[in-house]
Amino acid sequence: MRMTGLGDVDTSIPNVARMYDYYLGGYHNFAVDREAAERILAIFPDTPAAARTNRRFLQRAVRHLAQAGVRQFLDIGTGLPTQGNVHDIADGRVVYVDNDPVAVAQARSLVDGLDRVSVALADLREPEALLCDPDVAGHLDFGEPVAILMVSILHFVPDEADPAGLIARLRDATVPGSHLVVSHLTRDGVPDAPAQQGQQVYRQSSAPIVPRTRADILRLFDGYELLDPGLVWLGDWRPDDGDAQVSHGYGGVGVKPAG
């Protein structure tokens, strides 16, 4: 298929956002994305179920924070729009951020006309520029608590980019009572051979993937206090039904304490 109205789109290499869209059953993807995704499915056939678990984690976390009174959400690494987006759940101000022009164009199309929602083309690896972007700074009040959402984005940030340091710079720009929501792919419990095969597929995509251990992911929450039940398998974070959920990663929600 051809996505229209987005200008020039690079279809020469698989795009990780479009691969994720394919896992979720979406249609914002090309043959090159589907071919790469099918290679992953040959290694990990339950990836679509795991992608849905990840999406449900995001929705439960946002719903919990909204019910707790959080009214500002900064969703970094939004990817391509799908069902159950943050602004569909939270009755507050929402900014979606991505460094992929295709994802940004799609998100802007989705939220056109919604005054409480903004979309920014910015990069997590440049946190100060991200925070100063007019679509961020002009929409959120950083003198009030903000929930920073990093769902399925940090495992595309290599160690040399210092993901914990990037989070710390964003954390320092927020006030106490602000939150951090993270979901992150792990290799815990995965045999070496399929893990390496999966990483090889992503090395040939728009962003190599870096699964991390639970201990490594826990360090990303430095400076935050984890809400119950802590850092757990994604399907185990405050599940709202009795259905078994396939989890390929860990998720948690932290709050920046006073003082």
C-alpha atoms as a PDB file:
ATOM      1  CA  MET A   1       0.000   0.000   0.000  1.00  0.00           C
ATOM      2  CA  ARG A   2       0.972   3.667  -0.255  1.00  0.00           C
ATOM      3  CA  MET A   3       0.380   6.136   2.547  1.00  0.00           C
ATOM      4  CA  THR A   4      -0.703   9.428   1.019  1.00  0.00           C
ATOM      5  CA  GLY A   5      -0.383  13.005   2.146  1.00  0.00           C
ATOM      6  CA  LEU A   6       2.929  12.416   3.952  1.00  0.00           C
ATOM      7  CA  GLY A   7       5.443  13.604   1.376  1.00  0.00           C
ATOM      8  CA  ASP A   8       8.436  11.417   0.646  1.00  0.00           C
ATOM      9  CA  VAL A   9       8.511   8.282   2.779  1.00  0.00           C
ATOM     10  CA  ASP A  10      11.623   6.099   2.902  1.00  0.00           C
ATOM     11  CA  THR A  11      10.536   2.559   2.110  1.00  0.00           C
ATOM     12  CA  SER A  12      14.024   1.202   1.485  1.00  0.00           C
ATOM     13  CA  ILE A  13      14.504  -0.124   5.032  1.00  0.00           C
ATOM     14  CA  PRO A  14      12.052  -1.454   7.628  1.00  0.00           C
ATOM     15  CA  ASN A  15      10.773   1.181  10.010  1.00  0.00           C
ATOM     16  CA  VAL A  16      10.313   0.069  13.625  1.00  0.00           C
ATOM     17  CA  ALA A  17       7.144   2.150  14.138  1.00  0.00           C
ATOM     18  CA  ARG A  18       5.571   0.654  11.034  1.00  0.00           C
ATOM     19  CA  MET A  19       6.634  -2.858  12.121  1.00  0.00           C
ATOM     20  CA  TYR A  20       4.901  -2.272  15.465  1.00  0.00           C
ATOM     21  CA  ASP A  21       1.840  -1.037  13.612  1.00  0.00           C
ATOM     22  CA  TYR A  22       1.851  -4.319  11.662  1.00  0.00           C
ATOM     23  CA  TYR A  23       2.076  -6.357  14.887  1.00  0.00           C
ATOM     24  CA  LEU A  24      -1.005  -4.500  16.138  1.00  0.00           C
ATOM     25  CA  GLY A  25      -2.917  -5.244  12.946  1.00  0.00           C
ATOM     26  CA  GLY A  26      -2.642  -1.731  11.546  1.00  0.00           C
ATOM     27  CA  TYR A  27      -2.323  -0.637   7.947  1.00  0.00           C
ATOM     28  CA  HIS A  28       0.310   2.129   8.155  1.00  0.00           C
ATOM     29  CA  ASN A  29       3.080  -0.109   6.828  1.00  0.00           C
ATOM     30  CA  PHE A  30       4.831  -1.140   3.630  1.00  0.00           C
ATOM     31  CA  ALA A  31       6.025  -4.439   2.168  1.00  0.00           C
ATOM     32  CA  VAL A  32       9.531  -3.909   3.559  1.00  0.00           C
ATOM     33  CA  ASP A  33       8.086  -3.464   7.067  1.00  0.00           C
ATOM     34  CA  ARG A  34       5.858  -6.512   6.767  1.00  0.00           C
ATOM     35  CA  GLU A  35       8.733  -8.662   5.513  1.00  0.00           C
ATOM     36  CA  ALA A  36      10.898  -7.691   8.504  1.00  0.00           C
ATOM     37  CA  ALA A  37       7.994  -8.151  10.909  1.00  0.00           C
ATOM     38  CA  GLU A  38       7.315 -11.606   9.504  1.00  0.00           C
ATOM     39  CA  ARG A  39      10.959 -12.515  10.166  1.00  0.00           C
ATOM     40  CA  ILE A  40      10.404 -11.537  13.795  1.00  0.00           C
ATOM     41  CA  LEU A  41       7.175 -13.536  13.898  1.00  0.00           C
ATOM     42  CA  ALA A  42       9.045 -16.590  12.661  1.00  0.00           C
ATOM     43  CA  ILE A  43      11.301 -16.278  15.718  1.00  0.00           C
ATOM     44  CA  PHE A  44       8.724 -14.994  18.233  1.00  0.00           C
ATOM     45  CA  PRO A  45       5.216 -15.971  17.016  1.00  0.00           C
ATOM     46  CA  ASP A  46       3.565 -14.370  20.054  1.00  0.00           C
ATOM     47  CA  THR A  47       4.848 -10.879  19.217  1.00  0.00           C
ATOM     48  CA  PRO A  48       1.391  -9.530  18.230  1.00  0.00           C
ATOM     49  CA  ALA A  49      -0.013 -10.667  21.580  1.00  0.00           C
ATOM     50  CA  ALA A  50       2.940  -9.057  23.358  1.00  0.00           C
ATOM     51  CA  ALA A  51       2.392  -5.819  21.412  1.00  0.00           C
ATOM     52  CA  ARG A  52      -1.238  -5.752  22.528  1.00  0.00           C
ATOM     53  CA  THR A  53      -0.142  -6.363  26.136  1.00  0.00           C
ATOM     54  CA  ASN A  54       2.223  -3.416  25.859  1.00  0.00           C
ATOM     55  CA  ARG A  55      -0.569  -1.244  24.498  1.00  0.00           C
ATOM     56  CA  ARG A  56      -2.905  -2.255  27.294  1.00  0.00           C
ATOM     57  CA  PHE A  57      -0.197  -1.430  29.846  1.00  0.00           C
ATOM     58  CA  LEU A  58      -0.002   2.104  28.443  1.00  0.00           C
ATOM     59  CA  GLN A  59      -3.759   2.468  28.627  1.00  0.00           C
ATOM     60  CA  ARG A  60      -3.980   1.206  32.213  1.00  0.00           C
ATOM     61  CA  ALA A  61      -1.119   3.448  33.338  1.00  0.00           C
ATOM     62  CA  VAL A  62      -2.642   6.531  31.731  1.00  0.00           C
ATOM     63  CA  ARG A  63      -6.069   5.737  33.139  1.00  0.00           C
ATOM     64  CA  HIS A  64      -4.603   5.330  36.636  1.00  0.00           C
ATOM     65  CA  LEU A  65      -2.724   8.626  36.439  1.00  0.00           C
ATOM     66  CA  ALA A  66      -5.743  10.465  35.052  1.00  0.00           C
ATOM     67  CA  GLN A  67      -7.895   9.115  37.877  1.00  0.00           C
ATOM     68  CA  ALA A  68      -5.197  10.262  40.326  1.00  0.00           C
ATOM     69  CA  GLY A  69      -5.514  13.806  39.031  1.00  0.00           C
ATOM     70  CA  VAL A  70      -2.681  14.072  36.501  1.00  0.00           C
ATOM     71  CA  ARG A  71      -3.699  16.532  33.793  1.00  0.00           C
ATOM     72  CA  GLN A  72      -0.556  16.794  31.616  1.00  0.00           C
ATOM     73  CA  PHE A  73       0.999  14.013  29.549  1.00  0.00           C
ATOM     74  CA  LEU A  74       4.181  14.077  27.465  1.00  0.00           C
ATOM     75  CA  ASP A  75       4.219  10.942  25.297  1.00  0.00           C
ATOM     76  CA  ILE A  76       7.724  10.516  23.833  1.00  0.00           C
ATOM     77  CA  GLY A  77       8.209   8.038  21.011  1.00  0.00           C
ATOM     78  CA  THR A  78       4.536   7.962  20.153  1.00  0.00           C
ATOM     79  CA  GLY A  79       4.906   5.971  16.967  1.00  0.00           C
ATOM     80  CA  LEU A  80       1.995   5.633  14.566  1.00  0.00           C
ATOM     81  CA  PRO A  81      -1.471   6.364  15.952  1.00  0.00           C
ATOM     82  CA  THR A  82      -3.646   3.396  16.812  1.00  0.00           C
ATOM     83  CA  GLN A  83      -6.674   2.743  19.008  1.00  0.00           C
ATOM     84  CA  GLY A  84      -6.749   3.796  22.649  1.00  0.00           C
ATOM     85  CA  ASN A  85      -4.378   6.741  22.375  1.00  0.00           C
ATOM     86  CA  VAL A  86      -3.452   8.826  25.416  1.00  0.00           C
ATOM     87  CA  HIS A  87      -5.830  11.659  24.563  1.00  0.00           C
ATOM     88  CA  ASP A  88      -8.665   9.139  24.235  1.00  0.00           C
ATOM     89  CA  ILE A  89      -8.162   8.115  27.870  1.00  0.00           C
ATOM     90  CA  ALA A  90      -6.879  11.187  29.696  1.00  0.00           C
ATOM     91  CA  ASP A  91      -8.980  14.331  30.050  1.00  0.00           C
ATOM     92  CA  GLY A  92      -6.059  16.716  30.061  1.00  0.00           C
ATOM     93  CA  ARG A  93      -3.348  18.273  27.952  1.00  0.00           C
ATOM     94  CA  VAL A  94      -1.370  15.813  25.841  1.00  0.00           C
ATOM     95  CA  VAL A  95       1.743  16.269  23.722  1.00  0.00           C
ATOM     96  CA  TYR A  96       2.852  13.497  21.397  1.00  0.00           C
ATOM     97  CA  VAL A  97       6.540  13.500  20.428  1.00  0.00           C
ATOM     98  CA  ASP A  98       8.319  11.472  17.786  1.00  0.00           C
ATOM     99  CA  ASN A  99      11.404  11.895  15.614  1.00  0.00           C
ATOM    100  CA  ASP A 100       9.742  10.151  12.658  1.00  0.00           C
ATOM    101  CA  PRO A 101       8.051  12.657  10.298  1.00  0.00           C
ATOM    102  CA  VAL A 102       5.597   9.959   9.166  1.00  0.00           C
ATOM    103  CA  ALA A 103       4.429   9.271  12.724  1.00  0.00           C
ATOM    104  CA  VAL A 104       4.180  13.011  13.429  1.00  0.00           C
ATOM    105  CA  ALA A 105       2.175  13.658  10.269  1.00  0.00           C
ATOM    106  CA  GLN A 106      -0.218  10.834  11.091  1.00  0.00           C
ATOM    107  CA  ALA A 107      -0.599  12.003  14.701  1.00  0.00           C
ATOM    108  CA  ARG A 108      -1.280  15.590  13.604  1.00  0.00           C
ATOM    109  CA  SER A 109      -3.939  14.340  11.218  1.00  0.00           C
ATOM    110  CA  LEU A 110      -5.516  12.308  14.005  1.00  0.00           C
ATOM    111  CA  VAL A 111      -5.742  15.173  16.510  1.00  0.00           C
ATOM    112  CA  ASP A 112      -6.507  18.016  14.127  1.00  0.00           C
ATOM    113  CA  GLY A 113      -8.989  20.334  15.817  1.00  0.00           C
ATOM    114  CA  LEU A 114      -8.320  19.133  19.375  1.00  0.00           C
ATOM    115  CA  ASP A 115      -7.110  22.167  21.328  1.00  0.00           C
ATOM    116  CA  ARG A 116      -5.824  20.123  24.277  1.00  0.00           C
ATOM    117  CA  VAL A 117      -3.529  17.967  22.100  1.00  0.00           C
ATOM    118  CA  SER A 118      -0.276  18.931  20.395  1.00  0.00           C
ATOM    119  CA  VAL A 119       2.259  16.994  18.332  1.00  0.00           C
ATOM    120  CA  ALA A 120       6.002  17.736  18.190  1.00  0.00           C
ATOM    121  CA  LEU A 121       8.742  16.538  15.849  1.00  0.00           C
ATOM    122  CA  ALA A 122      11.616  16.125  18.297  1.00  0.00           C
ATOM    123  CA  ASP A 123      14.147  13.573  19.516  1.00  0.00           C
ATOM    124  CA  LEU A 124      14.495  12.036  22.968  1.00  0.00           C
ATOM    125  CA  ARG A 125      18.275  12.091  22.527  1.00  0.00           C
ATOM    126  CA  GLU A 126      18.134  15.916  22.616  1.00  0.00           C
ATOM    127  CA  PRO A 127      16.008  16.469  25.745  1.00  0.00           C
ATOM    128  CA  GLU A 128      16.614  20.202  26.147  1.00  0.00           C
ATOM    129  CA  ALA A 129      15.641  20.866  22.523  1.00  0.00           C
ATOM    130  CA  LEU A 130      12.600  18.634  22.994  1.00  0.00           C
ATOM    131  CA  LEU A 131      11.453  20.559  26.048  1.00  0.00           C
ATOM    132  CA  CYS A 132      11.953  23.896  24.287  1.00  0.00           C
ATOM    133  CA  ASP A 133      10.087  22.858  21.157  1.00  0.00           C
ATOM    134  CA  PRO A 134       7.136  25.253  20.772  1.00  0.00           C
ATOM    135  CA  ASP A 135       4.706  22.363  20.387  1.00  0.00           C
ATOM    136  CA  VAL A 136       5.863  21.142  23.823  1.00  0.00           C
ATOM    137  CA  ALA A 137       6.713  24.295  25.748  1.00  0.00           C
ATOM    138  CA  GLY A 138       3.706  26.127  24.360  1.00  0.00           C
ATOM    139  CA  HIS A 139       1.305  23.410  25.410  1.00  0.00           C
ATOM    140  CA  LEU A 140       2.490  22.111  28.794  1.00  0.00           C
ATOM    141  CA  ASP A 141       3.091  23.989  32.040  1.00  0.00           C
ATOM    142  CA  PHE A 142       6.235  22.540  33.598  1.00  0.00           C
ATOM    143  CA  GLY A 143       5.457  24.400  36.797  1.00  0.00           C
ATOM    144  CA  GLU A 144       2.765  21.761  37.307  1.00  0.00           C
ATOM    145  CA  PRO A 145       3.156  17.936  37.392  1.00  0.00           C
ATOM    146  CA  VAL A 146       3.676  16.226  34.046  1.00  0.00           C
ATOM    147  CA  ALA A 147       3.533  12.507  33.278  1.00  0.00           C
ATOM    148  CA  ILE A 148       6.345  11.528  30.915  1.00  0.00           C
ATOM    149  CA  LEU A 149       5.485   8.416  28.933  1.00  0.00           C
ATOM    150  CA  MET A 150       8.277   6.330  27.397  1.00  0.00           C
ATOM    151  CA  VAL A 151       6.490   3.254  26.154  1.00  0.00           C
ATOM    152  CA  SER A 152       8.503   0.910  23.917  1.00  0.00           C
ATOM    153  CA  ILE A 153      11.018   3.634  23.048  1.00  0.00           C
ATOM    154  CA  LEU A 154      13.984   3.207  25.387  1.00  0.00           C
ATOM    155  CA  HIS A 155      14.985  -0.175  23.969  1.00  0.00           C
ATOM    156  CA  PHE A 156      15.785   1.721  20.768  1.00  0.00           C
ATOM    157  CA  VAL A 157      18.229   3.972  22.657  1.00  0.00           C
ATOM    158  CA  PRO A 158      21.732   2.433  22.738  1.00  0.00           C
ATOM    159  CA  ASP A 159      23.826   2.386  25.885  1.00  0.00           C
ATOM    160  CA  GLU A 160      26.248   4.948  24.463  1.00  0.00           C
ATOM    161  CA  ALA A 161      23.375   7.462  24.283  1.00  0.00           C
ATOM    162  CA  ASP A 162      22.935   7.066  28.077  1.00  0.00           C
ATOM    163  CA  PRO A 163      19.176   6.471  28.368  1.00  0.00           C
ATOM    164  CA  ALA A 164      19.273   6.907  32.159  1.00  0.00           C
ATOM    165  CA  GLY A 165      20.982  10.260  31.716  1.00  0.00           C
ATOM    166  CA  LEU A 166      18.404  11.375  29.167  1.00  0.00           C
ATOM    167  CA  ILE A 167      15.605  10.507  31.581  1.00  0.00           C
ATOM    168  CA  ALA A 168      17.372  12.352  34.402  1.00  0.00           C
ATOM    169  CA  ARG A 169      17.524  15.531  32.320  1.00  0.00           C
ATOM    170  CA  LEU A 170      13.798  15.321  31.653  1.00  0.00           C
ATOM    171  CA  ARG A 171      13.101  14.468  35.297  1.00  0.00           C
ATOM    172  CA  ASP A 172      15.043  17.526  36.453  1.00  0.00           C
ATOM    173  CA  ALA A 173      12.841  19.724  34.270  1.00  0.00           C
ATOM    174  CA  THR A 174       9.681  18.566  36.063  1.00  0.00           C
ATOM    175  CA  VAL A 175       8.283  19.345  39.501  1.00  0.00           C
ATOM    176  CA  PRO A 176       7.595  16.877  42.339  1.00  0.00           C
ATOM    177  CA  GLY A 177       4.437  14.916  41.701  1.00  0.00           C
ATOM    178  CA  SER A 178       5.404  14.341  38.095  1.00  0.00           C
ATOM    179  CA  HIS A 179       5.459  10.763  36.834  1.00  0.00           C
ATOM    180  CA  LEU A 180       7.480   8.499  34.564  1.00  0.00           C
ATOM    181  CA  VAL A 181       5.864   5.595  32.699  1.00  0.00           C
ATOM    182  CA  VAL A 182       8.222   3.073  31.070  1.00  0.00           C
ATOM    183  CA  SER A 183       7.778  -0.157  29.170  1.00  0.00           C
ATOM    184  CA  HIS A 184      10.928  -1.867  27.950  1.00  0.00           C
ATOM    185  CA  LEU A 185      11.772  -5.047  26.059  1.00  0.00           C
ATOM    186  CA  THR A 186      13.885  -7.605  27.936  1.00  0.00           C
ATOM    187  CA  ARG A 187      16.008 -10.629  27.146  1.00  0.00           C
ATOM    188  CA  ASP A 188      15.275 -12.111  30.555  1.00  0.00           C
ATOM    189  CA  GLY A 189      14.187 -15.693  30.054  1.00  0.00           C
ATOM    190  CA  VAL A 190      14.914 -15.661  26.305  1.00  0.00           C
ATOM    191  CA  PRO A 191      17.495 -18.157  24.983  1.00  0.00           C
ATOM    192  CA  ASP A 192      20.540 -16.579  23.347  1.00  0.00           C
ATOM    193  CA  ALA A 193      19.964 -17.895  19.826  1.00  0.00           C
ATOM    194  CA  PRO A 194      16.479 -16.446  19.180  1.00  0.00           C
ATOM    195  CA  ALA A 195      17.384 -13.242  21.039  1.00  0.00           C
ATOM    196  CA  GLN A 196      20.372 -12.706  18.759  1.00  0.00           C
ATOM    197  CA  GLN A 197      18.316 -13.551  15.676  1.00  0.00           C
ATOM    198  CA  GLY A 198      15.704 -10.980  16.632  1.00  0.00           C
ATOM    199  CA  GLN A 199      18.323  -8.310  17.260  1.00  0.00           C
ATOM    200  CA  GLN A 200      19.846  -9.049  13.853  1.00  0.00           C
ATOM    201  CA  VAL A 201      16.527  -8.301  12.144  1.00  0.00           C
ATOM    202  CA  TYR A 202      16.314  -4.946  13.913  1.00  0.00           C
ATOM    203  CA  ARG A 203      19.930  -4.082  13.030  1.00  0.00           C
ATOM    204  CA  GLN A 204      18.715  -3.918   9.445  1.00  0.00           C
ATOM    205  CA  SER A 205      15.826  -1.606  10.358  1.00  0.00           C
ATOM    206  CA  SER A 206      15.536   2.086  11.144  1.00  0.00           C
ATOM    207  CA  ALA A 207      16.610   1.488  14.767  1.00  0.00           C
ATOM    208  CA  PRO A 208      18.580  -1.415  16.273  1.00  0.00           C
ATOM    209  CA  ILE A 209      16.944  -2.849  19.374  1.00  0.00           C
ATOM    210  CA  VAL A 210      18.595  -3.100  22.801  1.00  0.00           C
ATOM    211  CA  PRO A 211      16.747  -5.455  25.192  1.00  0.00           C
ATOM    212  CA  ARG A 212      17.814  -4.920  28.800  1.00  0.00           C
ATOM    213  CA  THR A 213      17.624  -6.858  32.052  1.00  0.00           C
ATOM    214  CA  ARG A 214      15.176  -5.992  34.794  1.00  0.00           C
ATOM    215  CA  ALA A 215      18.052  -4.566  36.850  1.00  0.00           C
ATOM    216  CA  ASP A 216      19.094  -2.304  33.962  1.00  0.00           C
ATOM    217  CA  ILE A 217      15.524  -1.106  33.437  1.00  0.00           C
ATOM    218  CA  LEU A 218      15.072  -0.467  37.144  1.00  0.00           C
ATOM    219  CA  ARG A 219      17.993   1.976  37.052  1.00  0.00           C
ATOM    220  CA  LEU A 220      16.045   4.096  34.564  1.00  0.00           C
ATOM    221  CA  PHE A 221      13.749   5.014  37.478  1.00  0.00           C
ATOM    222  CA  ASP A 222      16.534   6.607  39.548  1.00  0.00           C
ATOM    223  CA  GLY A 223      15.080   9.692  41.240  1.00  0.00           C
ATOM    224  CA  TYR A 224      11.536   8.294  41.160  1.00  0.00           C
ATOM    225  CA  GLU A 225       9.540   6.257  43.648  1.00  0.00           C
ATOM    226  CA  LEU A 226       7.893   3.281  41.976  1.00  0.00           C
ATOM    227  CA  LEU A 227       4.163   2.877  42.441  1.00  0.00           C
ATOM    228  CA  ASP A 228       2.838  -0.561  43.381  1.00  0.00           C
ATOM    229  CA  PRO A 229       3.378  -3.210  42.114  1.00  0.00           C
ATOM    230  CA  GLY A 230       6.809  -1.878  41.090  1.00  0.00           C
ATOM    231  CA  LEU A 231       8.654  -2.917  37.942  1.00  0.00           C
ATOM    232  CA  VAL A 232       6.885  -6.049  36.723  1.00  0.00           C
ATOM    233  CA  TRP A 233       6.021  -7.957  33.581  1.00  0.00           C
ATOM    234  CA  LEU A 234       3.777  -5.711  31.509  1.00  0.00           C
ATOM    235  CA  GLY A 235       0.738  -7.944  31.866  1.00  0.00           C
ATOM    236  CA  ASP A 236       1.109  -7.898  35.656  1.00  0.00           C
ATOM    237  CA  TRP A 237       0.952  -4.115  36.115  1.00  0.00           C
ATOM    238  CA  ARG A 238      -2.470  -3.544  37.707  1.00  0.00           C
ATOM    239  CA  PRO A 239      -4.327  -5.879  35.323  1.00  0.00           C
ATOM    240  CA  ASP A 240      -7.987  -5.041  35.000  1.00  0.00           C
ATOM    241  CA  ASP A 241      -9.152  -8.487  33.886  1.00  0.00           C
ATOM    242  CA  GLY A 242      -8.298 -12.125  34.447  1.00  0.00           C
ATOM    243  CA  ASP A 243      -6.998 -12.796  30.942  1.00  0.00           C
ATOM    244  CA  ALA A 244      -3.478 -14.157  30.583  1.00  0.00           C
ATOM    245  CA  GLN A 245      -1.286 -11.643  28.775  1.00  0.00           C
ATOM    246  CA  VAL A 246       1.938 -12.357  26.903  1.00  0.00           C
ATOM    247  CA  SER A 247       4.721 -10.055  28.096  1.00  0.00           C
ATOM    248  CA  HIS A 248       8.032  -9.494  26.310  1.00  0.00           C
ATOM    249  CA  GLY A 249       9.105  -6.755  28.672  1.00  0.00           C
ATOM    250  CA  TYR A 250       8.781  -4.958  31.978  1.00  0.00           C
ATOM    251  CA  GLY A 251       6.741  -1.926  32.866  1.00  0.00           C
ATOM    252  CA  GLY A 252       6.469   0.468  35.752  1.00  0.00           C
ATOM    253  CA  VAL A 253       5.257   3.882  36.856  1.00  0.00           C
ATOM    254  CA  GLY A 254       7.282   6.162  39.094  1.00  0.00           C
ATOM    255  CA  VAL A 255       6.551   9.454  40.808  1.00  0.00           C
ATOM    256  CA  LYS A 256       9.048  12.227  41.495  1.00  0.00           C
ATOM    257  CA  PRO A 257       9.002  12.747  45.268  1.00  0.00           C
ATOM    258  CA  ALA A 258       8.984  16.062  47.077  1.00  0.00           C
ATOM    259  CA  GLY A 259      12.365  17.325  48.141  1.00  0.00           C
END
